[in-house]
Amino acid sequence: MAINFDRALSIHPQALALREKRSEILASNLANADTPDYKARDLDFKTVFQNSLAGGGTELKRSQQGHMPSSNSMLGADLLYRNPQQASLDGNTVESHIEQAKYAENAVQYQASLRFINDDFSGLMTAIRGD
């Protein structure tokens, strides 16, 4: 009998990939905290994840045909702009303390997804060995 990894690993590989992409977006926000007119971006993880599971769109939407395709091929949703709690004089909407908190939260959830995948593989190894 063949092992079906999609069923065995459940939703965790998709969650892990989306958490990785969100990590890149949040890191980009932090890297541009001092860039004038930079607008902080994020994605609605729940919506993107549901679209991913439902087989929704596989690319970020382009506002114009001439724009280059996104390297975020798993997202299936537009990146959203974060509304700042306190506006900056230079037009930058990155609030470092909020971005750091979101990044830390995402990192914890990424680690949880890794742990779930590890547990799934441990279960598969137990089944294969017949322990």
Protein backbone atom coordinates (compact mmCIF):
# COMPACT_ATOMS: atom_id res chain seq x y z
CA MET A 1 0.00 0.00 0.00
CA ALA A 2 1.40 3.40 -1.02
CA ILE A 3 1.62 6.27 1.41
CA ASN A 4 -0.40 9.32 0.44
CA PHE A 5 1.65 12.20 1.87
CA ASP A 6 -1.11 14.73 1.17
CA ARG A 7 -3.44 12.86 3.51
CA ALA A 8 -0.71 11.86 5.96
CA LEU A 9 0.66 15.38 6.45
CA SER A 10 -2.71 17.12 6.27
CA ILE A 11 -2.62 20.91 5.88
CA HIS A 12 0.71 21.53 7.58
CA PRO A 13 2.97 21.75 4.49
CA GLN A 14 0.74 24.46 2.98
CA ALA A 15 0.66 26.33 6.29
CA LEU A 16 4.45 26.11 6.54
CA ALA A 17 4.93 27.51 3.04
CA LEU A 18 2.51 30.37 3.66
CA ARG A 19 4.16 31.19 6.99
CA GLU A 20 7.50 31.34 5.17
CA LYS A 21 6.13 33.79 2.60
CA ARG A 22 4.55 35.93 5.34
CA SER A 23 7.90 35.95 7.12
CA GLU A 24 9.52 37.41 4.01
CA ILE A 25 6.86 40.12 3.77
CA LEU A 26 7.21 41.09 7.44
CA ALA A 27 11.02 41.08 7.19
CA SER A 28 10.77 43.39 4.19
CA ASN A 29 8.64 45.76 6.24
CA LEU A 30 11.23 45.81 9.02
CA ALA A 31 14.07 46.34 6.54
CA ASN A 32 12.27 49.38 5.12
CA ALA A 33 11.32 50.97 8.44
CA ASP A 34 13.37 54.08 7.61
CA THR A 35 12.49 54.31 3.90
CA PRO A 36 10.40 57.43 3.16
CA ASP A 37 6.94 56.69 1.72
CA TYR A 38 7.32 52.92 2.23
CA LYS A 39 3.97 51.30 2.94
CA ALA A 40 3.92 48.31 5.30
CA ARG A 41 2.36 45.22 3.73
CA ASP A 42 0.89 42.03 5.10
CA LEU A 43 -1.50 39.33 4.07
CA ASP A 44 -4.61 37.94 5.65
CA PHE A 45 -3.22 34.49 6.48
CA LYS A 46 -6.63 32.92 7.14
CA THR A 47 -8.07 33.99 3.78
CA VAL A 48 -4.94 33.06 1.83
CA PHE A 49 -4.74 29.69 3.56
CA GLN A 50 -8.39 28.91 2.84
CA ASN A 51 -7.84 29.86 -0.83
CA SER A 52 -4.77 27.63 -0.92
CA LEU A 53 -6.71 24.68 0.46
CA ALA A 54 -9.64 25.30 -1.88
CA GLY A 55 -7.32 25.42 -4.90
CA GLY A 56 -7.89 29.14 -5.42
CA GLY A 57 -5.63 31.49 -7.34
CA THR A 58 -1.94 30.73 -7.31
CA GLU A 59 -0.43 34.16 -7.92
CA LEU A 60 -0.72 37.64 -6.52
CA LYS A 61 -3.00 39.74 -8.68
CA ARG A 62 -1.37 42.29 -10.95
CA SER A 63 -2.90 45.74 -11.23
CA GLN A 64 -1.59 46.17 -14.78
CA GLN A 65 -0.71 43.65 -17.48
CA GLY A 66 2.84 44.97 -17.83
CA HIS A 67 3.74 44.26 -14.21
CA MET A 68 6.09 41.38 -13.58
CA PRO A 69 4.58 38.21 -12.11
CA SER A 70 5.06 37.77 -8.40
CA SER A 71 7.60 35.39 -6.89
CA ASN A 72 5.00 34.66 -4.19
CA SER A 73 3.39 31.95 -6.29
CA MET A 74 1.56 30.27 -3.40
CA LEU A 75 -0.32 33.22 -2.00
CA GLY A 76 -3.41 33.54 -4.15
CA ALA A 77 -4.36 36.93 -2.72
CA ASP A 78 -3.43 40.57 -2.80
CA LEU A 79 -0.96 41.89 -0.28
CA LEU A 80 -2.74 44.33 1.97
CA TYR A 81 -1.47 47.64 3.27
CA ARG A 82 -1.23 47.96 7.03
CA ASN A 83 -2.97 51.01 8.52
CA PRO A 84 -0.60 52.71 10.95
CA GLN A 85 -1.73 53.59 14.45
CA GLN A 86 0.37 56.74 14.31
CA ALA A 87 1.27 58.26 10.97
CA SER A 88 4.89 59.13 10.22
CA LEU A 89 5.84 62.53 8.83
CA ASP A 90 7.81 60.97 5.95
CA GLY A 91 4.88 58.82 4.76
CA ASN A 92 6.33 55.53 6.03
CA THR A 93 3.68 53.29 7.62
CA VAL A 94 6.04 50.75 9.21
CA GLU A 95 5.73 50.67 12.99
CA SER A 96 8.70 48.60 14.11
CA HIS A 97 7.17 47.38 17.37
CA ILE A 98 4.08 46.08 15.58
CA GLU A 99 6.11 44.47 12.79
CA GLN A 100 8.41 42.79 15.32
CA ALA A 101 5.40 41.42 17.23
CA LYS A 102 3.80 40.12 14.02
CA TYR A 103 7.12 38.59 12.94
CA ALA A 104 7.58 36.86 16.33
CA GLU A 105 3.99 35.57 16.27
CA ASN A 106 4.49 34.23 12.75
CA ALA A 107 7.79 32.57 13.79
CA VAL A 108 6.07 30.76 16.66
CA GLN A 109 3.32 29.55 14.33
CA TYR A 110 5.97 28.46 11.80
CA GLN A 111 7.67 26.40 14.53
CA ALA A 112 4.31 24.86 15.45
CA SER A 113 3.75 23.81 11.83
CA LEU A 114 7.24 22.27 11.76
CA ARG A 115 6.46 20.36 14.95
CA PHE A 116 3.18 19.07 13.50
CA ILE A 117 4.97 17.86 10.36
CA ASN A 118 7.67 16.22 12.48
CA ASP A 119 4.99 14.43 14.53
CA ASP A 120 3.28 13.28 11.32
CA PHE A 121 6.55 11.84 10.00
CA SER A 122 7.24 10.16 13.35
CA GLY A 123 3.85 8.51 13.13
CA LEU A 124 4.55 7.36 9.58
CA MET A 125 7.94 5.95 10.62
CA THR A 126 6.29 4.08 13.49
CA ALA A 127 3.74 2.62 11.10
CA ILE A 128 6.44 1.60 8.60
CA ARG A 129 8.60 -0.05 11.26
CA GLY A 130 5.59 -1.70 12.82
CA ASP A 131 6.47 -0.64 16.38
